[in-house]
Amino acid sequence: MRRLSVLIFLVCLSSGAWHYSEELALTKVSQVNDLTISSNGELWVLSPSTISKVDENSGDLVVFKHIDNARALTALGPNLYYVDNSNRLVTQPSDDRENAELTGLNLTNPTQMTAMSVSGAAGLIVLEPTRLVFATPFETISTLSTNAERFSIIPLADYSDRRTPFFTLSGNRIFTWSGGRFLNAENYVSRLIYSASNVVLDFCADKRGNLYILFADSITVLDNNGQYKGKIGVGNISRGSRILSNPTNNSLIVYDRSAKNIQVIAETGQISEELIVLDKNRPNPVDNYTEIPFTLSEPLFLTITIYNLIGEPVKQIARDRFLRGSHRVAWKADDEEGNLVPNGVYFYRLESNRGVAIRQLIVLR
């Protein structure tokens, strides 16, 4: 068996291209039906009974309006748009809690809605069963047949240009669509650019056209042609969770449905001289779950392996190319067969062709 042999630590503080800037608890919300980010970076949360906004200074969730079972929410300029419990589109000024108006647009069981500016006017793309609807707040303009589960547009992009793509998720596969326009969506043609073997929880595009694919343990990053750029480790994310891109600063917003919290993963240009930072796992001692944080000052292909006290490998928990920045990898205190390991002292080893880092943890139940 392979044993631990290298005990050289390349460990000190640094920061990279991606870091966890804050975590917001949504414990006061019983259920999140939808989230949206406005063009000026405001984060709005839709629950069965309220529309709320995350206060940019305190991070608190501030109730904006009480509603009754709205199902989809989006924002554009000074207005919010949501679908009420009768599938009718409602427009609401984001600075006025009272003056909500029905627009006259009726939809069919929408599951997702995104607003965009089309030649200076408000436009909407709505995902319904078997189709995407391209509409103004007042009428349907065109439709596109698709079996998509989710879709994403490039924030602030010019969708009057036929070359500007949007993206759909179907069966753990990502498709890019181009060749059409808002007025003639039937001219869009799709092309498969990514297929995953694991379950895709959600995905989004940023304003540069990069794609962020959310999995249970990581975010895979692609360019707009589907070329793999690397991944961001996020620990453990539950099904039904969401990922959004903030167009004002390209940060990522990850909502974990089970934990009822929002992780903000911010982008920074700061570069460290140190290559690898392997931090202490949390929590430690470990019961049945822990997260191992690490930071890279450049993209690296690496492995992270758990070893027992006598140097025998227990489980490899990461093997991939990770982007520059901060990451989290989860370990459920199990071996390769999924069996819980006994109490004791263990080591986790991060290894790349540029260096090795090792730390100790304790399993105690």
Protein backbone atom coordinates (compact mmCIF):
# COMPACT_ATOMS: atom_id res chain seq x y z
CA MET A 1 0.00 0.00 0.00
CA ARG A 2 1.03 3.54 -0.59
CA ARG A 3 2.04 5.27 2.64
CA LEU A 4 2.51 8.85 3.76
CA SER A 5 6.09 9.82 3.11
CA VAL A 6 6.29 13.54 2.43
CA LEU A 7 5.81 15.82 5.42
CA ILE A 8 6.80 19.11 3.81
CA PHE A 9 4.21 21.82 4.53
CA LEU A 10 3.67 24.62 2.04
CA VAL A 11 1.20 26.32 4.34
CA CYS A 12 0.64 30.00 5.12
CA LEU A 13 -2.13 32.57 4.69
CA SER A 14 -3.06 33.82 1.24
CA SER A 15 -6.05 34.60 -0.95
CA GLY A 16 -6.78 33.83 -4.56
CA ALA A 17 -9.16 34.51 -7.43
CA TRP A 18 -12.21 33.06 -5.63
CA HIS A 19 -12.91 33.33 -1.92
CA TYR A 20 -15.86 32.87 0.41
CA SER A 21 -16.68 36.45 1.33
CA GLU A 22 -19.76 35.87 3.50
CA GLU A 23 -22.52 33.45 4.48
CA LEU A 24 -26.10 34.57 5.00
CA ALA A 25 -28.62 32.54 7.02
CA LEU A 26 -32.22 32.36 5.76
CA THR A 27 -33.60 30.63 8.84
CA LYS A 28 -36.58 33.00 9.05
CA VAL A 29 -37.84 31.79 5.66
CA SER A 30 -39.73 28.49 5.74
CA GLN A 31 -39.24 27.88 2.02
CA VAL A 32 -37.52 29.65 -0.86
CA ASN A 33 -39.51 29.54 -4.11
CA ASP A 34 -37.09 31.66 -6.15
CA LEU A 35 -34.15 34.05 -6.00
CA THR A 36 -33.07 36.79 -8.37
CA ILE A 37 -30.35 39.42 -8.64
CA SER A 38 -31.15 42.78 -10.19
CA SER A 39 -28.82 44.57 -12.61
CA ASN A 40 -27.58 46.76 -9.75
CA GLY A 41 -26.68 43.76 -7.60
CA GLU A 42 -29.68 43.57 -5.24
CA LEU A 43 -30.54 40.05 -4.09
CA TRP A 44 -34.28 39.31 -3.81
CA VAL A 45 -35.80 36.19 -2.21
CA LEU A 46 -39.28 34.85 -2.94
CA SER A 47 -41.02 32.69 -0.34
CA PRO A 48 -44.64 31.41 -0.41
CA SER A 49 -45.74 34.43 1.62
CA THR A 50 -43.22 37.24 1.05
CA ILE A 51 -40.87 39.02 -1.29
CA SER A 52 -37.75 40.02 0.65
CA LYS A 53 -34.47 41.75 -0.09
CA VAL A 54 -31.08 41.04 1.41
CA ASP A 55 -29.84 44.26 3.03
CA GLU A 56 -26.44 45.04 1.50
CA ASN A 57 -25.08 46.51 4.73
CA SER A 58 -26.31 44.14 7.44
CA GLY A 59 -26.93 41.00 5.37
CA ASP A 60 -30.35 40.69 6.99
CA LEU A 61 -33.42 39.59 5.05
CA VAL A 62 -35.88 42.50 4.97
CA VAL A 63 -39.51 41.80 4.05
CA PHE A 64 -40.59 43.98 1.15
CA LYS A 65 -44.10 42.68 0.43
CA HIS A 66 -46.51 40.03 1.68
CA ILE A 67 -47.97 37.88 -1.13
CA ASP A 68 -49.87 34.63 -1.62
CA ASN A 69 -47.99 31.72 -3.22
CA ALA A 70 -46.11 33.47 -6.02
CA ARG A 71 -43.95 31.03 -8.00
CA ALA A 72 -41.34 32.95 -10.02
CA LEU A 73 -39.50 36.22 -9.51
CA THR A 74 -37.19 38.42 -11.57
CA ALA A 75 -35.99 42.02 -11.55
CA LEU A 76 -35.20 44.57 -14.25
CA GLY A 77 -34.32 48.20 -13.65
CA PRO A 78 -36.68 49.71 -11.06
CA ASN A 79 -39.27 46.92 -11.33
CA LEU A 80 -39.86 43.46 -9.93
CA TYR A 81 -41.90 40.90 -11.87
CA TYR A 82 -43.50 37.86 -10.31
CA VAL A 83 -46.08 35.23 -11.25
CA ASP A 84 -49.04 35.03 -8.85
CA ASN A 85 -50.93 31.90 -7.79
CA SER A 86 -53.21 32.21 -10.85
CA ASN A 87 -50.25 32.24 -13.29
CA ARG A 88 -50.68 35.96 -13.97
CA LEU A 89 -47.69 38.27 -14.34
CA VAL A 90 -47.50 41.08 -11.81
CA THR A 91 -45.22 44.12 -11.99
CA GLN A 92 -44.10 45.81 -8.79
CA PRO A 93 -41.86 48.90 -8.40
CA SER A 94 -38.92 47.85 -6.23
CA ASP A 95 -39.17 51.10 -4.25
CA ASP A 96 -42.97 50.97 -3.75
CA ARG A 97 -44.62 48.21 -1.72
CA GLU A 98 -48.18 49.14 -2.65
CA ASN A 99 -48.54 49.73 -6.38
CA ALA A 100 -48.48 46.23 -7.84
CA GLU A 101 -50.27 45.82 -11.19
CA LEU A 102 -51.40 42.89 -13.29
CA THR A 103 -49.79 43.22 -16.72
CA GLY A 104 -52.32 41.12 -18.63
CA LEU A 105 -49.78 38.41 -19.49
CA ASN A 106 -51.04 34.93 -18.51
CA LEU A 107 -48.60 32.03 -18.31
CA THR A 108 -48.83 28.23 -18.07
CA ASN A 109 -47.20 26.70 -14.99
CA PRO A 110 -43.91 28.65 -15.24
CA THR A 111 -40.92 27.23 -13.37
CA GLN A 112 -38.33 29.94 -14.11
CA MET A 113 -38.36 33.54 -15.34
CA THR A 114 -35.59 35.96 -16.29
CA ALA A 115 -35.85 39.60 -17.32
CA MET A 116 -33.64 41.35 -19.86
CA SER A 117 -33.51 44.65 -21.70
CA VAL A 118 -34.48 44.30 -25.36
CA SER A 119 -33.73 47.47 -27.36
CA GLY A 120 -34.28 49.48 -24.19
CA ALA A 121 -37.63 47.83 -23.32
CA ALA A 122 -38.41 45.16 -20.73
CA GLY A 123 -38.31 41.60 -22.02
CA LEU A 124 -38.93 38.27 -20.29
CA ILE A 125 -37.93 34.68 -20.94
CA VAL A 126 -40.17 32.21 -19.12
CA LEU A 127 -39.66 28.46 -18.85
CA GLU A 128 -42.91 26.51 -19.13
CA PRO A 129 -43.42 22.78 -19.63
CA THR A 130 -42.05 21.88 -23.11
CA ARG A 131 -41.22 25.46 -24.16
CA LEU A 132 -39.53 28.79 -23.54
CA VAL A 133 -41.72 31.88 -23.88
CA PHE A 134 -40.21 35.17 -25.07
CA ALA A 135 -42.48 38.02 -24.00
CA THR A 136 -42.87 41.60 -22.94
CA PRO A 137 -44.69 42.15 -19.65
CA PHE A 138 -47.88 42.52 -21.70
CA GLU A 139 -47.80 39.92 -24.50
CA THR A 140 -46.09 36.82 -25.82
CA ILE A 141 -43.69 37.60 -28.68
CA SER A 142 -42.37 34.17 -29.69
CA THR A 143 -41.86 30.66 -28.30
CA LEU A 144 -39.28 27.89 -28.56
CA SER A 145 -40.00 24.20 -28.03
CA THR A 146 -37.59 22.56 -25.56
CA ASN A 147 -37.61 20.01 -22.75
CA ALA A 148 -35.22 22.13 -20.65
CA GLU A 149 -35.22 21.88 -16.86
CA ARG A 150 -33.41 25.21 -16.37
CA PHE A 151 -32.04 27.97 -18.60
CA SER A 152 -29.57 30.81 -18.23
CA ILE A 153 -28.81 33.98 -20.14
CA ILE A 154 -25.67 36.11 -20.12
CA PRO A 155 -26.48 39.06 -17.83
CA LEU A 156 -26.54 42.47 -19.54
CA ALA A 157 -25.85 40.89 -22.96
CA ASP A 158 -27.31 42.17 -26.25
CA TYR A 159 -29.95 39.64 -27.28
CA SER A 160 -30.82 41.57 -30.42
CA ASP A 161 -27.60 40.01 -31.79
CA ARG A 162 -28.13 36.53 -33.25
CA ARG A 163 -24.64 35.53 -32.11
CA THR A 164 -25.44 36.06 -28.41
CA PRO A 165 -26.15 32.61 -26.92
CA PHE A 166 -28.33 31.48 -24.07
CA PHE A 167 -28.05 28.08 -22.38
CA THR A 168 -30.34 25.27 -21.22
CA LEU A 169 -30.00 22.30 -18.91
CA SER A 170 -31.64 19.00 -19.77
CA GLY A 171 -30.79 15.58 -18.35
CA ASN A 172 -27.44 16.74 -16.88
CA ARG A 173 -26.47 18.17 -20.26
CA ILE A 174 -25.83 21.82 -21.15
CA PHE A 175 -26.86 23.17 -24.55
CA THR A 176 -26.00 26.50 -26.12
CA TRP A 177 -28.57 28.21 -28.36
CA SER A 178 -27.79 30.83 -30.99
CA GLY A 179 -29.02 32.06 -34.36
CA GLY A 180 -32.33 33.45 -33.18
CA ARG A 181 -33.49 36.65 -31.59
CA PHE A 182 -36.11 37.76 -29.11
CA LEU A 183 -38.61 38.44 -31.92
CA ASN A 184 -38.06 35.12 -33.69
CA ALA A 185 -37.04 32.55 -31.10
CA GLU A 186 -37.99 29.72 -33.45
CA ASN A 187 -34.74 30.41 -35.35
CA TYR A 188 -32.56 29.41 -32.40
CA VAL A 189 -30.49 26.26 -32.96
CA SER A 190 -29.03 24.23 -30.10
CA ARG A 191 -25.66 22.54 -29.70
CA LEU A 192 -24.55 20.22 -26.89
CA ILE A 193 -21.48 21.66 -25.15
CA TYR A 194 -21.28 19.72 -21.88
CA SER A 195 -22.49 16.41 -20.46
CA ALA A 196 -22.11 15.41 -16.81
CA SER A 197 -22.05 11.96 -15.25
CA ASN A 198 -23.19 13.38 -11.90
CA VAL A 199 -26.43 15.18 -11.10
CA VAL A 200 -26.40 18.88 -12.01
CA LEU A 201 -28.22 20.84 -9.31
CA ASP A 202 -28.32 24.18 -11.16
CA PHE A 203 -26.21 26.39 -13.42
CA CYS A 204 -25.76 30.01 -14.42
CA ALA A 205 -23.78 32.24 -16.78
CA ASP A 206 -21.87 35.39 -15.87
CA LYS A 207 -21.66 38.56 -17.96
CA ARG A 208 -18.46 37.32 -19.63
CA GLY A 209 -20.24 34.19 -20.85
CA ASN A 210 -18.57 31.76 -18.43
CA LEU A 211 -20.78 28.94 -17.17
CA TYR A 212 -20.91 27.73 -13.57
CA ILE A 213 -22.34 24.21 -13.12
CA LEU A 214 -23.43 23.46 -9.55
CA PHE A 215 -22.90 19.93 -8.26
CA ALA A 216 -23.31 18.54 -4.75
CA ASP A 217 -19.63 19.11 -3.92
CA SER A 218 -18.29 21.66 -6.40
CA ILE A 219 -18.86 24.21 -9.14
CA THR A 220 -17.51 23.27 -12.57
CA VAL A 221 -16.44 26.29 -14.64
CA LEU A 222 -16.70 26.34 -18.45
CA ASP A 223 -16.27 28.99 -21.10
CA ASN A 224 -19.25 29.74 -23.34
CA ASN A 225 -18.14 27.04 -25.79
CA GLY A 226 -18.12 24.39 -23.10
CA GLN A 227 -14.35 24.23 -22.68
CA TYR A 228 -13.42 23.08 -19.18
CA LYS A 229 -11.61 25.71 -17.08
CA GLY A 230 -11.59 24.03 -13.66
CA LYS A 231 -13.68 23.77 -10.54
CA ILE A 232 -14.46 25.53 -7.28
CA GLY A 233 -14.88 23.32 -4.22
CA VAL A 234 -18.00 24.15 -2.19
CA GLY A 235 -18.24 21.39 0.41
CA ASN A 236 -21.66 19.77 0.44
CA ILE A 237 -24.72 21.23 -1.33
CA SER A 238 -28.22 19.68 -1.26
CA ARG A 239 -30.59 19.00 -4.14
CA GLY A 240 -32.92 21.84 -5.04
CA SER A 241 -30.16 24.39 -4.42
CA ARG A 242 -29.49 27.37 -6.71
CA ILE A 243 -26.56 29.31 -8.15
CA LEU A 244 -26.68 32.87 -9.52
CA SER A 245 -24.10 35.33 -10.86
CA ASN A 246 -24.06 38.94 -9.67
CA PRO A 247 -23.55 41.12 -12.78
CA THR A 248 -22.08 44.02 -10.80
CA ASN A 249 -19.01 42.16 -9.54
CA ASN A 250 -19.16 38.61 -11.00
CA SER A 251 -19.49 37.07 -7.55
CA LEU A 252 -21.44 33.82 -7.26
CA ILE A 253 -24.46 33.35 -5.01
CA VAL A 254 -25.06 29.75 -3.90
CA TYR A 255 -28.29 29.02 -2.05
CA ASP A 256 -28.24 25.69 -0.17
CA ARG A 257 -31.81 24.49 0.18
CA SER A 258 -31.16 22.08 3.04
CA ALA A 259 -28.91 24.35 5.12
CA LYS A 260 -31.11 27.39 4.33
CA ASN A 261 -28.13 29.63 3.77
CA ILE A 262 -26.52 31.67 1.02
CA GLN A 263 -22.80 31.50 0.32
CA VAL A 264 -21.28 34.46 -1.49
CA ILE A 265 -18.19 33.42 -3.45
CA ALA A 266 -16.43 36.60 -4.53
CA GLU A 267 -13.81 37.13 -7.20
CA THR A 268 -10.64 39.06 -6.47
CA GLY A 269 -7.53 39.84 -8.46
CA GLN A 270 -5.24 39.53 -5.45
CA ILE A 271 -2.41 37.05 -5.98
CA SER A 272 -0.32 35.40 -3.28
CA GLU A 273 3.30 34.33 -3.50
CA GLU A 274 2.45 31.07 -1.75
CA LEU A 275 1.23 28.28 -3.95
CA ILE A 276 -0.79 26.03 -1.62
CA VAL A 277 -2.61 26.83 1.61
CA LEU A 278 -4.18 23.85 3.36
CA ASP A 279 -6.29 25.00 6.30
CA LYS A 280 -7.62 23.15 9.34
CA ASN A 281 -10.69 21.06 8.69
CA ARG A 282 -13.96 22.18 10.27
CA PRO A 283 -15.37 20.75 12.48
CA ASN A 284 -12.57 18.92 14.23
CA PRO A 285 -12.94 16.47 15.95
CA VAL A 286 -15.09 14.92 13.25
CA ASP A 287 -18.33 13.07 13.88
CA ASN A 288 -19.71 12.07 10.46
CA TYR A 289 -18.90 15.17 8.38
CA THR A 290 -16.15 17.74 7.95
CA GLU A 291 -14.99 20.26 5.34
CA ILE A 292 -11.36 20.72 4.29
CA PRO A 293 -10.59 24.27 3.08
CA PHE A 294 -7.64 25.08 0.86
CA THR A 295 -6.43 27.97 -1.29
CA LEU A 296 -4.39 27.94 -4.51
CA SER A 297 -2.52 30.89 -5.97
CA GLU A 298 -2.72 29.34 -9.44
CA PRO A 299 -4.85 26.65 -11.12
CA LEU A 300 -3.58 23.18 -10.24
CA PHE A 301 -4.47 19.56 -10.85
CA LEU A 302 -4.43 17.95 -7.42
CA THR A 303 -5.60 15.07 -5.28
CA ILE A 304 -6.70 15.06 -1.65
CA THR A 305 -6.49 11.73 0.16
CA ILE A 306 -7.37 10.68 3.70
CA TYR A 307 -4.83 8.39 5.44
CA ASN A 308 -5.01 6.53 8.74
CA LEU A 309 -2.44 6.84 11.50
CA ILE A 310 -0.13 4.16 10.04
CA GLY A 311 -0.13 5.76 6.61
CA GLU A 312 -2.64 3.58 4.77
CA PRO A 313 -4.93 5.38 2.30
CA VAL A 314 -8.55 5.45 3.45
CA LYS A 315 -10.29 7.46 0.73
CA GLN A 316 -9.45 9.83 -2.09
CA ILE A 317 -11.91 12.71 -1.76
CA ALA A 318 -10.71 14.97 -4.60
CA ARG A 319 -8.98 14.50 -7.94
CA ASP A 320 -9.37 17.34 -10.43
CA ARG A 321 -8.11 20.66 -11.74
CA PHE A 322 -9.08 23.40 -9.30
CA LEU A 323 -9.11 27.09 -10.16
CA ARG A 324 -7.03 29.68 -8.37
CA GLY A 325 -8.72 30.71 -5.14
CA SER A 326 -10.40 29.23 -2.07
CA HIS A 327 -12.14 25.86 -2.04
CA ARG A 328 -13.90 23.42 0.29
CA VAL A 329 -13.94 19.64 -0.03
CA ALA A 330 -16.22 17.51 2.15
CA TRP A 331 -15.41 14.20 3.82
CA LYS A 332 -18.18 12.15 5.45
CA ALA A 333 -15.78 10.18 7.66
CA ASP A 334 -16.10 7.14 5.39
CA ASP A 335 -13.82 4.87 3.37
CA GLU A 336 -13.91 4.02 -0.34
CA GLU A 337 -16.78 1.56 0.26
CA GLY A 338 -18.85 4.14 2.11
CA ASN A 339 -18.34 2.58 5.53
CA LEU A 340 -17.82 4.92 8.48
CA VAL A 341 -14.24 4.85 9.72
CA PRO A 342 -13.46 4.08 13.37
CA ASN A 343 -12.48 6.75 15.87
CA GLY A 344 -8.87 7.79 15.73
CA VAL A 345 -6.25 10.09 14.27
CA TYR A 346 -6.19 10.60 10.47
CA PHE A 347 -4.28 12.77 8.01
CA TYR A 348 -5.45 14.55 4.89
CA ARG A 349 -2.86 15.11 2.17
CA LEU A 350 -3.16 17.57 -0.71
CA GLU A 351 -0.77 16.60 -3.50
CA SER A 352 0.08 18.25 -6.84
CA ASN A 353 3.11 18.36 -9.10
CA ARG A 354 3.98 21.70 -7.48
CA GLY A 355 3.94 20.65 -3.86
CA VAL A 356 2.39 18.70 -1.02
CA ALA A 357 0.53 19.79 2.14
CA ILE A 358 -0.59 17.59 5.03
CA ARG A 359 -2.71 18.13 8.12
CA GLN A 360 -4.08 15.99 10.92
CA LEU A 361 -7.69 15.44 12.00
CA ILE A 362 -9.44 13.38 14.65
CA VAL A 363 -12.58 11.27 14.25
CA LEU A 364 -14.46 11.09 17.54
CA ARG A 365 -18.10 10.01 17.88
